[in-house]
N, C-alpha and C. Protein backbone atom coordinates (compact mmCIF):
# COMPACT_ATOMS: atom_id res chain seq x y z
N MET A 1 81.64 111.53 132.38
CA MET A 1 82.14 110.22 133.27
C MET A 1 81.09 108.75 132.92
N ASP A 2 79.62 109.18 133.16
CA ASP A 2 78.93 107.99 133.19
C ASP A 2 78.68 107.63 131.84
N ARG A 3 78.28 108.49 131.00
CA ARG A 3 77.81 108.68 129.43
C ARG A 3 78.90 108.19 128.73
N ALA A 4 80.17 108.77 129.01
CA ALA A 4 81.28 107.78 128.13
C ALA A 4 81.31 106.22 128.21
N LEU A 5 81.42 106.30 129.87
CA LEU A 5 81.27 104.86 129.99
C LEU A 5 80.39 103.60 129.55
N TYR A 6 78.68 104.18 129.59
CA TYR A 6 77.87 103.43 129.18
C TYR A 6 78.02 103.70 127.42
N ARG A 7 79.28 104.44 127.00
CA ARG A 7 79.35 104.44 125.27
C ARG A 7 79.75 103.39 125.29
N ILE A 8 81.09 103.68 126.08
CA ILE A 8 82.40 102.18 126.20
C ILE A 8 81.95 100.90 125.94
N LEU A 9 80.89 100.69 126.86
CA LEU A 9 80.07 99.43 127.09
C LEU A 9 79.07 99.14 125.72
N GLU A 10 78.62 99.97 125.32
CA GLU A 10 78.21 99.93 124.40
C GLU A 10 78.50 99.35 122.98
N TRP A 11 79.76 100.37 122.75
CA TRP A 11 80.91 99.52 121.70
C TRP A 11 81.09 97.99 121.71
N ILE A 12 81.80 97.78 123.20
CA ILE A 12 82.24 96.62 123.39
C ILE A 12 80.97 95.73 123.07
N THR A 13 80.00 96.00 123.55
CA THR A 13 78.29 95.06 123.21
C THR A 13 78.66 94.62 121.92
N LEU A 14 78.52 95.77 121.34
CA LEU A 14 78.46 95.53 119.38
C LEU A 14 79.14 94.94 118.84
N PHE A 15 80.19 95.26 119.13
CA PHE A 15 81.63 94.35 118.88
C PHE A 15 81.22 92.91 119.16
N ALA A 16 80.85 92.37 120.34
CA ALA A 16 80.80 91.21 120.71
C ALA A 16 79.44 90.26 119.89
N TYR A 17 78.69 91.28 119.57
CA TYR A 17 77.44 90.90 119.14
C TYR A 17 78.17 90.60 117.40
N LEU A 18 78.39 91.40 116.72
CA LEU A 18 78.94 91.14 115.88
C LEU A 18 79.87 89.88 115.99
N ASN A 19 80.20 89.86 116.10
CA ASN A 19 81.64 88.65 116.33
C ASN A 19 80.72 87.19 116.38
N VAL A 20 80.09 87.38 117.32
CA VAL A 20 78.70 85.94 117.23
C VAL A 20 78.25 86.11 115.72
N ILE A 21 77.66 86.86 115.33
CA ILE A 21 76.96 87.08 114.25
C ILE A 21 77.77 86.44 113.00
N TRP A 22 78.77 86.56 113.37
CA TRP A 22 79.96 86.38 112.07
C TRP A 22 80.17 84.65 111.89
N ILE A 23 80.19 84.45 113.60
CA ILE A 23 80.40 83.02 113.69
C ILE A 23 79.31 82.76 113.22
N CYS A 24 78.15 82.80 113.51
CA CYS A 24 76.96 82.12 112.88
C CYS A 24 77.03 81.63 111.95
N PHE A 25 76.85 83.02 110.89
CA PHE A 25 77.04 83.39 109.07
C PHE A 25 78.04 81.94 108.59
N THR A 26 79.19 82.57 109.33
CA THR A 26 80.08 81.09 109.04
C THR A 26 79.98 79.71 108.87
N LEU A 27 79.74 79.65 110.17
CA LEU A 27 78.89 77.94 110.78
C LEU A 27 77.69 77.60 109.23
N ALA A 28 77.22 78.43 108.96
CA ALA A 28 75.75 78.28 108.30
C ALA A 28 76.08 78.29 106.79
N GLY A 29 77.44 78.63 106.47
CA GLY A 29 77.76 78.37 104.97
C GLY A 29 78.82 76.98 104.86
N GLY A 30 78.91 76.76 106.05
CA GLY A 30 79.89 75.27 106.21
C GLY A 30 80.96 75.48 106.18
N ILE A 31 81.52 76.86 106.85
CA ILE A 31 82.68 77.61 106.83
C ILE A 31 83.28 77.42 105.82
N VAL A 32 83.41 76.74 104.58
CA VAL A 32 84.48 77.15 103.53
C VAL A 32 83.76 78.09 102.48
N LEU A 33 82.20 78.09 102.70
CA LEU A 33 81.65 79.02 101.73
C LEU A 33 81.13 80.14 102.54
N GLY A 34 81.02 79.97 103.92
CA GLY A 34 80.68 80.76 104.68
C GLY A 34 81.76 82.03 105.22
N LEU A 35 83.09 81.53 105.33
CA LEU A 35 83.78 82.52 106.09
C LEU A 35 84.12 83.79 105.47
N PHE A 36 84.40 83.44 103.96
CA PHE A 36 84.20 85.12 102.83
C PHE A 36 83.10 85.92 103.17
N PRO A 37 82.33 85.52 102.88
CA PRO A 37 81.37 86.22 102.63
C PRO A 37 80.91 86.52 104.05
N ALA A 38 80.59 86.17 105.59
CA ALA A 38 80.57 86.60 106.55
C ALA A 38 81.88 87.59 106.90
N THR A 39 82.75 87.28 106.56
CA THR A 39 83.82 88.24 106.77
C THR A 39 84.11 89.55 106.34
N ILE A 40 83.13 89.42 105.18
CA ILE A 40 83.23 90.73 104.16
C ILE A 40 82.58 91.86 104.79
N ALA A 41 80.99 90.98 105.08
CA ALA A 41 80.37 91.59 105.96
C ALA A 41 80.84 91.99 106.65
N MET A 42 80.90 91.89 107.99
CA MET A 42 81.41 92.09 109.43
C MET A 42 82.66 93.31 108.85
N PHE A 43 83.47 93.30 107.95
CA PHE A 43 84.38 94.28 107.54
C PHE A 43 83.58 95.71 107.15
N SER A 44 82.47 95.18 106.02
CA SER A 44 81.49 96.72 105.82
C SER A 44 80.60 96.79 106.86
N ILE A 45 80.50 96.56 107.71
CA ILE A 45 79.66 97.16 108.91
C ILE A 45 80.71 97.89 109.72
N ILE A 46 82.04 97.36 110.10
CA ILE A 46 82.57 98.18 110.62
C ILE A 46 82.95 99.29 110.16
N ARG A 47 83.41 98.93 109.14
CA ARG A 47 83.71 100.54 108.02
C ARG A 47 82.73 101.39 108.27
N LYS A 48 81.45 101.13 108.00
CA LYS A 48 80.24 101.80 108.13
C LYS A 48 80.23 103.07 109.46
N TRP A 49 80.73 102.14 110.56
CA TRP A 49 80.72 102.03 111.91
C TRP A 49 82.21 103.36 111.89
N LEU A 50 83.15 103.58 111.32
CA LEU A 50 84.41 104.20 111.65
C LEU A 50 83.75 105.25 110.43
N GLN A 51 82.83 105.21 109.77
CA GLN A 51 82.64 106.68 109.00
C GLN A 51 81.44 107.35 109.71
N GLY A 52 80.98 106.76 110.96
CA GLY A 52 79.89 107.55 111.59
C GLY A 52 78.58 107.18 111.40
N ASP A 53 78.51 106.46 110.70
CA ASP A 53 77.55 105.16 110.30
C ASP A 53 76.68 104.10 111.19
N SER A 54 76.21 104.85 112.74
CA SER A 54 76.18 102.83 112.89
C SER A 54 74.90 103.13 113.29
N ASP A 55 73.56 103.52 112.62
CA ASP A 55 72.47 103.02 113.20
C ASP A 55 71.52 102.70 112.67
N LYS A 56 71.75 101.59 111.76
CA LYS A 56 71.45 100.59 110.80
C LYS A 56 71.31 99.39 112.28
N PRO A 57 70.25 98.42 111.80
CA PRO A 57 70.42 97.41 112.38
C PRO A 57 71.27 96.38 112.22
N ILE A 58 71.93 95.77 112.86
CA ILE A 58 73.23 94.91 113.04
C ILE A 58 72.77 93.40 111.89
N LEU A 59 71.69 92.93 111.75
CA LEU A 59 71.90 91.23 111.70
C LEU A 59 70.94 92.07 110.07
N ALA A 60 70.11 92.81 110.07
CA ALA A 60 69.97 92.97 109.13
C ALA A 60 71.05 93.34 107.96
N THR A 61 71.77 94.30 108.09
CA THR A 61 72.79 94.44 107.31
C THR A 61 73.33 93.83 107.28
N PHE A 62 73.86 92.99 108.45
CA PHE A 62 74.73 92.09 108.04
C PHE A 62 74.20 91.03 106.98
N TRP A 63 73.45 90.98 107.18
CA TRP A 63 72.30 89.68 105.77
C TRP A 63 72.11 90.19 104.85
N HIS A 64 72.19 91.61 104.38
CA HIS A 64 72.26 92.17 102.95
C HIS A 64 74.16 92.29 102.33
N TYR A 65 75.09 92.76 102.96
CA TYR A 65 76.15 92.20 102.75
C TYR A 65 76.82 90.78 102.38
N TYR A 66 76.33 89.94 103.34
CA TYR A 66 76.41 88.44 103.12
C TYR A 66 75.64 87.65 102.05
N LYS A 67 74.63 88.29 101.72
CA LYS A 67 73.45 87.76 100.42
C LYS A 67 74.11 88.13 99.12
N ASP A 68 74.64 89.78 99.46
CA ASP A 68 74.85 90.44 98.20
C ASP A 68 76.17 90.12 97.50
N GLU A 69 77.15 89.77 98.55
CA GLU A 69 78.29 89.81 98.38
C GLU A 69 79.12 87.81 98.61
N PHE A 70 77.86 87.15 98.38
CA PHE A 70 77.99 85.72 98.96
C PHE A 70 79.15 84.84 97.99
N TRP A 71 78.56 85.23 96.70
CA TRP A 71 79.60 84.94 94.94
C TRP A 71 80.66 85.19 94.55
N LYS A 72 80.59 86.54 94.95
CA LYS A 72 82.10 87.37 94.80
C LYS A 72 83.00 87.36 95.72
N SER A 73 82.67 87.19 96.96
CA SER A 73 83.73 87.15 98.18
C SER A 73 84.33 85.61 98.50
N ASN A 74 82.95 84.61 97.52
CA ASN A 74 83.88 83.20 97.39
C ASN A 74 84.97 82.95 96.57
N ARG A 75 84.26 83.63 95.38
CA ARG A 75 85.49 83.60 94.43
C ARG A 75 86.92 83.80 94.45
N LEU A 76 86.67 85.35 95.63
CA LEU A 76 88.19 85.43 96.24
C LEU A 76 88.49 84.61 97.38
N GLY A 77 87.94 83.54 97.90
CA GLY A 77 88.25 82.99 99.38
C GLY A 77 89.19 81.87 98.47
N PHE A 78 88.42 81.05 97.10
CA PHE A 78 88.74 79.87 96.82
C PHE A 78 90.17 80.65 95.89
N LEU A 79 90.49 81.50 96.08
CA LEU A 79 91.88 81.75 95.14
C LEU A 79 92.66 81.90 96.29
N ILE A 80 92.07 82.32 97.50
CA ILE A 80 93.08 82.58 98.97
C ILE A 80 93.10 80.90 99.29
N TYR A 81 92.06 80.47 99.31
CA TYR A 81 92.15 79.25 99.64
C TYR A 81 93.19 77.94 99.02
N PHE A 82 93.29 78.80 97.84
CA PHE A 82 93.85 78.05 96.99
C PHE A 82 95.88 78.24 97.00
N VAL A 83 95.98 79.49 97.61
CA VAL A 83 97.30 79.84 97.51
C VAL A 83 98.03 79.60 99.08
N SER A 84 96.74 79.15 99.95
CA SER A 84 96.83 78.82 101.45
C SER A 84 97.50 77.50 101.02
N LEU A 85 96.89 76.66 100.08
CA LEU A 85 97.07 75.15 99.93
C LEU A 85 98.80 75.18 99.99
N VAL A 86 98.82 75.85 98.46
CA VAL A 86 100.39 75.70 97.94
C VAL A 86 101.24 76.19 98.96
N VAL A 87 101.23 77.31 99.72
CA VAL A 87 102.09 77.42 100.78
C VAL A 87 102.20 76.63 101.79
N GLY A 88 101.34 75.88 102.23
CA GLY A 88 101.04 74.96 103.08
C GLY A 88 101.80 73.66 102.42
N PHE A 89 101.22 73.10 101.60
CA PHE A 89 101.81 71.90 101.03
C PHE A 89 103.59 72.52 100.69
N ASN A 90 103.89 73.20 100.34
CA ASN A 90 105.20 73.64 100.02
C ASN A 90 106.45 73.44 101.55
N SER A 91 105.15 74.29 102.45
CA SER A 91 106.05 74.06 104.09
C SER A 91 106.10 72.90 104.40
N PHE A 92 104.88 72.29 104.34
CA PHE A 92 105.04 70.77 104.78
C PHE A 92 106.28 69.75 104.11
N PHE A 93 106.40 70.26 103.18
CA PHE A 93 107.30 69.30 101.98
C PHE A 93 108.77 69.47 102.10
N LEU A 94 108.87 71.15 102.98
CA LEU A 94 110.13 71.32 102.89
C LEU A 94 110.70 70.51 105.04
N TYR A 95 109.47 70.71 105.50
CA TYR A 95 109.65 70.14 107.02
C TYR A 95 110.17 68.37 106.80
N VAL A 96 109.18 67.89 105.95
CA VAL A 96 109.52 66.26 105.89
C VAL A 96 110.94 65.61 105.37
N ASN A 97 111.07 66.64 104.68
CA ASN A 97 112.44 66.59 103.74
C ASN A 97 113.54 67.54 104.06
N HIS A 98 114.26 67.01 104.95
CA HIS A 98 115.32 67.71 105.38
C HIS A 98 116.90 67.71 104.68
N ASP A 99 116.33 67.91 102.97
CA ASP A 99 117.31 68.16 101.97
C ASP A 99 118.25 68.96 101.76
N GLU A 100 119.34 69.02 102.19
CA GLU A 100 120.11 70.04 101.89
C GLU A 100 119.67 71.19 100.92
N GLN A 101 120.00 70.14 99.58
CA GLN A 101 119.81 71.06 98.26
C GLN A 101 118.44 71.12 98.07
N LEU A 102 117.66 71.25 99.15
CA LEU A 102 116.48 72.23 99.24
C LEU A 102 116.59 73.37 100.13
N SER A 103 117.74 73.32 100.86
CA SER A 103 117.81 74.38 101.83
C SER A 103 117.41 75.78 101.20
N TRP A 104 118.06 76.08 99.99
CA TRP A 104 117.78 77.47 99.27
C TRP A 104 116.50 77.75 99.22
N ALA A 105 115.59 76.99 99.06
CA ALA A 105 114.35 77.28 98.87
C ALA A 105 113.31 77.76 100.34
N LEU A 106 114.31 77.70 101.36
CA LEU A 106 113.27 77.89 102.71
C LEU A 106 113.54 79.46 103.21
N GLY A 107 114.34 80.79 102.43
CA GLY A 107 114.35 81.75 102.43
C GLY A 107 113.09 82.18 101.90
N PRO A 108 113.06 81.93 100.50
CA PRO A 108 112.22 82.43 99.20
C PRO A 108 110.76 82.19 99.73
N LEU A 109 110.39 81.17 100.66
CA LEU A 109 109.04 80.36 101.36
C LEU A 109 109.06 81.33 102.65
N LEU A 110 109.86 81.28 103.51
CA LEU A 110 109.51 82.26 104.40
C LEU A 110 109.23 83.78 104.06
N ALA A 111 109.38 84.32 103.01
CA ALA A 111 109.40 85.65 102.46
C ALA A 111 108.06 85.57 101.97
N GLY A 112 107.47 84.34 101.23
CA GLY A 112 106.38 84.71 100.63
C GLY A 112 105.11 84.76 101.39
N ILE A 113 105.36 83.66 102.56
CA ILE A 113 104.70 83.46 103.50
C ILE A 113 104.47 85.03 104.38
N LEU A 114 105.51 85.77 104.67
CA LEU A 114 105.35 86.54 105.05
C LEU A 114 104.42 87.37 104.19
N LEU A 115 104.65 87.81 103.31
CA LEU A 115 104.27 88.83 102.36
C LEU A 115 102.66 88.40 102.02
N PHE A 116 101.90 86.75 102.25
CA PHE A 116 101.04 86.70 101.90
C PHE A 116 99.88 87.03 103.54
N PHE A 117 101.10 87.12 104.62
CA PHE A 117 100.18 87.39 105.84
C PHE A 117 99.88 89.10 105.77
N VAL A 118 101.02 89.59 105.72
CA VAL A 118 100.95 91.34 105.57
C VAL A 118 99.71 91.78 104.33
N PHE A 119 99.74 90.72 103.35
CA PHE A 119 98.98 90.93 102.05
C PHE A 119 97.15 91.14 102.50
N MET A 120 97.25 90.12 103.42
CA MET A 120 95.88 89.72 103.98
C MET A 120 95.50 90.18 104.86
N PHE A 121 96.12 91.76 105.41
CA PHE A 121 95.84 92.28 106.02
C PHE A 121 94.99 93.81 105.24
N TYR A 122 95.33 93.65 103.90
CA TYR A 122 94.72 94.29 103.23
C TYR A 122 93.27 94.48 102.15
N ILE A 123 93.59 93.16 102.18
CA ILE A 123 92.56 92.66 100.92
C ILE A 123 91.05 92.94 101.41
N PHE A 124 90.40 92.56 102.88
CA PHE A 124 89.22 93.10 102.90
C PHE A 124 89.15 94.43 103.01
N PRO A 125 90.04 95.35 103.62
CA PRO A 125 90.08 96.62 103.43
C PRO A 125 89.76 97.08 102.02
N VAL A 126 90.83 96.65 101.27
CA VAL A 126 90.68 97.08 99.81
C VAL A 126 89.05 96.63 99.50
N TYR A 127 88.45 95.38 99.83
CA TYR A 127 87.53 94.89 99.13
C TYR A 127 85.96 95.76 99.25
N VAL A 128 85.53 96.24 100.62
CA VAL A 128 84.69 96.69 101.44
C VAL A 128 84.90 98.38 100.77
N HIS A 129 86.42 98.72 100.32
CA HIS A 129 85.92 100.44 100.30
C HIS A 129 86.08 100.57 99.07
N PHE A 130 86.44 99.82 98.15
CA PHE A 130 86.25 100.13 96.89
C PHE A 130 85.79 99.61 96.13
N ASP A 131 84.72 100.16 94.65
CA ASP A 131 84.27 99.45 93.92
C ASP A 131 85.22 98.83 92.90
N LEU A 132 85.80 97.54 92.65
CA LEU A 132 86.66 96.89 92.14
C LEU A 132 86.44 95.63 91.96
N ASN A 133 86.45 94.97 91.06
CA ASN A 133 86.71 93.36 90.45
C ASN A 133 87.54 92.60 91.31
N LEU A 134 87.49 91.52 90.76
CA LEU A 134 88.65 90.90 91.79
C LEU A 134 89.86 90.61 91.34
N PHE A 135 90.29 91.36 90.09
CA PHE A 135 91.68 91.24 89.54
C PHE A 135 92.21 92.69 90.43
N GLN A 136 91.14 93.72 90.26
CA GLN A 136 92.06 94.84 90.97
C GLN A 136 91.75 94.56 92.24
N ILE A 137 90.58 94.12 93.05
CA ILE A 137 90.96 94.13 94.53
C ILE A 137 92.13 92.99 94.74
N VAL A 138 92.69 92.43 94.36
CA VAL A 138 93.95 91.70 94.87
C VAL A 138 95.29 92.55 94.33
N LYS A 139 95.32 93.14 93.35
CA LYS A 139 96.39 94.07 92.16
C LYS A 139 96.51 95.13 93.71
N SER A 140 95.04 95.71 94.19
CA SER A 140 95.20 96.87 94.73
C SER A 140 96.03 96.80 96.16
N ALA A 141 95.40 95.67 96.32
CA ALA A 141 95.74 95.58 98.19
C ALA A 141 97.40 95.14 97.94
N PHE A 142 97.98 94.42 96.80
CA PHE A 142 99.58 94.36 97.37
C PHE A 142 99.91 95.79 96.72
N GLN A 143 99.24 96.26 96.09
CA GLN A 143 99.99 97.47 95.86
C GLN A 143 100.30 98.32 97.32
N ILE A 144 99.58 98.77 97.66
CA ILE A 144 99.19 99.77 99.01
C ILE A 144 99.69 98.65 99.92
N MET A 145 100.01 97.66 100.11
CA MET A 145 100.58 97.00 101.01
C MET A 145 102.33 97.33 100.98
N LEU A 146 102.81 97.16 99.43
CA LEU A 146 103.98 97.74 99.66
C LEU A 146 104.23 99.39 99.88
N ILE A 147 103.45 99.86 99.77
CA ILE A 147 103.83 101.50 100.10
C ILE A 147 103.18 102.16 101.47
N SER A 148 102.98 101.00 102.04
CA SER A 148 102.36 101.20 103.91
C SER A 148 102.81 100.68 104.66
N PRO A 149 103.96 101.04 104.80
CA PRO A 149 105.03 100.24 105.59
C PRO A 149 104.46 100.51 107.27
N VAL A 150 104.10 101.83 107.49
CA VAL A 150 104.07 102.62 108.77
C VAL A 150 102.84 101.80 109.41
N GLN A 151 101.97 101.52 108.13
CA GLN A 151 100.02 101.51 108.61
C GLN A 151 100.58 99.70 108.57
N THR A 152 101.12 99.39 108.41
CA THR A 152 101.30 97.62 108.29
C THR A 152 102.01 97.57 109.54
N LEU A 153 103.20 98.36 109.87
CA LEU A 153 104.31 98.23 111.13
C LEU A 153 102.99 98.31 112.62
N PHE A 154 102.25 99.14 111.96
CA PHE A 154 101.19 99.77 113.52
C PHE A 154 100.17 98.36 113.31
N ILE A 155 99.63 97.70 112.30
CA ILE A 155 98.77 96.69 112.56
C ILE A 155 99.49 95.13 113.02
N ILE A 156 100.62 95.54 112.84
CA ILE A 156 101.31 93.99 113.25
C ILE A 156 101.48 94.31 114.94
N VAL A 157 102.05 95.72 115.23
CA VAL A 157 101.78 95.63 116.65
C VAL A 157 100.74 95.69 117.69
N SER A 158 99.73 96.00 116.48
CA SER A 158 98.03 96.37 117.29
C SER A 158 97.88 94.99 117.75
N LEU A 159 98.06 94.07 116.71
CA LEU A 159 97.27 92.62 116.49
C LEU A 159 98.68 91.83 117.82
N GLY A 160 99.93 92.03 117.26
CA GLY A 160 100.27 91.48 118.71
C GLY A 160 100.20 91.71 119.99
N ALA A 161 99.63 92.84 120.20
CA ALA A 161 99.26 93.14 121.08
C ALA A 161 97.50 92.72 121.89
N PHE A 162 97.08 92.24 120.92
CA PHE A 162 95.33 91.81 120.80
C PHE A 162 95.83 90.32 121.33
N TYR A 163 97.10 89.65 120.87
CA TYR A 163 97.10 88.55 120.77
C TYR A 163 98.12 88.09 122.52
N LEU A 164 98.70 89.05 122.64
CA LEU A 164 98.98 89.04 124.23
C LEU A 164 97.71 89.02 124.93
N ILE A 165 97.04 90.06 124.72
CA ILE A 165 95.88 89.84 125.79
C ILE A 165 94.95 88.59 125.61
N ILE A 166 95.34 87.89 124.57
CA ILE A 166 94.09 86.54 124.52
C ILE A 166 94.71 85.26 125.14
N THR A 167 96.25 86.01 125.10
CA THR A 167 97.15 84.68 126.20
C THR A 167 96.95 84.55 127.42
N VAL A 168 96.83 85.69 127.71
CA VAL A 168 96.48 86.22 129.11
C VAL A 168 94.71 85.76 130.05
N ILE A 169 93.96 86.21 128.75
CA ILE A 169 92.20 86.12 128.90
C ILE A 169 91.71 85.51 127.70
N PRO A 170 91.75 84.41 127.22
CA PRO A 170 91.22 83.60 126.01
C PRO A 170 89.97 83.97 125.78
N ALA A 171 89.35 83.94 126.42
CA ALA A 171 87.98 84.29 126.33
C ALA A 171 87.66 85.51 125.43
N VAL A 172 88.39 86.32 125.28
CA VAL A 172 88.67 87.57 124.60
C VAL A 172 88.50 87.20 122.90
N GLY A 173 89.55 86.14 122.83
CA GLY A 173 89.59 85.91 121.45
C GLY A 173 88.23 85.45 121.05
N VAL A 174 87.66 84.69 121.95
CA VAL A 174 86.06 84.08 121.59
C VAL A 174 85.35 85.15 121.62
N ILE A 175 85.35 85.77 121.98
CA ILE A 175 83.96 87.26 122.13
C ILE A 175 84.36 88.04 120.89
N PHE A 176 86.07 88.34 121.02
CA PHE A 176 85.88 89.74 119.72
C PHE A 176 86.99 89.62 118.89
N GLY A 177 87.56 87.92 118.91
CA GLY A 177 88.42 87.85 118.12
C GLY A 177 88.30 88.37 116.43
N ALA A 178 87.25 88.52 116.01
CA ALA A 178 87.01 88.28 114.62
C ALA A 178 87.12 89.85 114.31
N SER A 179 86.16 90.65 115.02
CA SER A 179 85.57 91.54 115.23
C SER A 179 86.79 92.80 114.97
N PHE A 180 87.39 92.40 116.23
CA PHE A 180 88.58 93.42 116.94
C PHE A 180 89.61 92.97 115.96
N TYR A 181 89.63 91.83 115.07
CA TYR A 181 90.86 91.91 113.97
C TYR A 181 90.54 93.11 112.53
N SER A 182 89.37 92.87 112.89
CA SER A 182 88.42 93.77 111.72
C SER A 182 88.68 95.25 111.75
N LEU A 183 88.52 95.65 112.71
CA LEU A 183 88.55 97.08 113.55
C LEU A 183 90.13 97.26 113.33
N ILE A 184 91.03 97.07 113.69
CA ILE A 184 92.43 97.08 113.92
C ILE A 184 93.10 97.02 112.38
N THR A 185 92.66 96.33 111.57
CA THR A 185 93.25 96.18 110.06
C THR A 185 92.76 97.48 108.94
N LEU A 186 91.13 97.65 109.41
CA LEU A 186 90.14 98.70 108.94
C LEU A 186 90.97 100.10 109.52
N LEU A 187 91.33 100.03 110.87
CA LEU A 187 91.71 101.68 111.04
C LEU A 187 92.76 101.93 110.42
N PHE A 188 93.71 101.19 110.04
CA PHE A 188 95.22 101.40 109.64
C PHE A 188 94.95 101.44 108.22
N ALA A 189 94.19 100.56 107.46
CA ALA A 189 94.12 100.66 106.12
C ALA A 189 93.29 102.30 105.43
N LEU A 190 92.34 101.75 106.27
CA LEU A 190 91.58 103.33 106.13
C LEU A 190 92.60 104.36 105.74
N ASN A 191 93.33 104.48 107.03
CA ASN A 191 94.57 105.11 106.88
C ASN A 191 95.57 105.85 105.82
N ALA A 192 95.53 104.41 105.28
CA ALA A 192 97.06 104.47 104.28
C ALA A 192 95.60 104.60 103.07
N PHE A 193 94.63 104.40 102.72
CA PHE A 193 93.86 105.00 101.85
C PHE A 193 94.10 106.62 101.90
N GLN A 194 93.59 106.91 102.54
CA GLN A 194 93.58 108.54 103.22
C GLN A 194 94.51 108.82 102.75
N LYS A 195 95.97 108.50 102.86
CA LYS A 195 97.30 109.20 102.63
C LYS A 195 97.63 109.15 101.34
N ILE A 196 97.21 107.58 100.87
CA ILE A 196 97.69 107.54 99.39
C ILE A 196 96.58 108.59 98.27
N GLN A 197 95.80 108.72 98.75
CA GLN A 197 94.38 110.07 98.23
C GLN A 197 95.00 110.81 97.94
N GLU A 198 95.86 111.49 99.46
CA GLU A 198 96.26 112.87 99.35
C GLU A 198 97.18 113.28 98.79
N LYS A 199 98.05 112.12 98.79
CA LYS A 199 99.19 112.30 97.82
C LYS A 199 98.52 112.42 96.12
N GLN A 200 97.52 111.67 95.89
CA GLN A 200 97.45 111.92 94.37
C GLN A 200 96.75 112.85 94.20
N ASN A 201 96.14 113.81 95.30
CA ASN A 201 95.58 114.99 95.31
C ASN A 201 96.62 116.69 94.88
N LEU A 202 97.53 115.98 95.63
CA LEU A 202 98.61 117.01 95.20
C LEU A 202 99.19 116.94 93.65
N ARG A 203 99.24 116.03 93.17
CA ARG A 203 99.69 115.26 91.81
C ARG A 203 99.25 117.23 91.26
C-alpha cells in the first residue's frame, strides 16, 4: 500500500515538473516560437512514459526534443496559428455584423470550429508517434479523427471532467494543465492508432 502510494505521488510530481518545464521553455521561445516545440517535447516524453521508458532525465530529454523539433514544429505551429486567426476573424466578423444575410454562415463556421478543436486532439500524438512530413501529419491526424469517434468521445469526456476539477481547484490547472492534457489525448490517441493497426493487420 505504501509503495503504491509512493508511486502515485512520484508520478504526480513528475507531471507537475514536466508542466513547469513546458511553461519555462514556452516562455523561453517568446511564447509564439516556444509553444509548439515545447508541446512536442512534452508529448514525446509522455509517450515514452506510456511505453514504459521513464528512466531518462526529464530536463535533458525535453531539451533534446525541443532543439531537434524546433523548426519543424514551428512550421506546423504557423499553419495552426494561421487557421486559428482565420477562424477567429470570421467568428468576430459574424459576431459584430448581425446581418440576416450572413446567418447561413453560422452553421458551417460552428462545424468548422468543432472539427478544428477535435483535430487538435490528434495532431500532436500523430506528430510524435509517426515519422511523417508536415503534410502527412496533418492528413493523418484528420483521417484518424474521422475514423475514431469513440476515442474522441473519451477524450472530450475526460477533458471535461478535468476542466470541472480545475473550476473547483484552479491551482490544478496551473500545475498540471498542459501535462494532463497531453496525457489524456495521448492515451486515447495511441489506442486509436493501435485499433487502426490491428484492422490493417487483419487485411
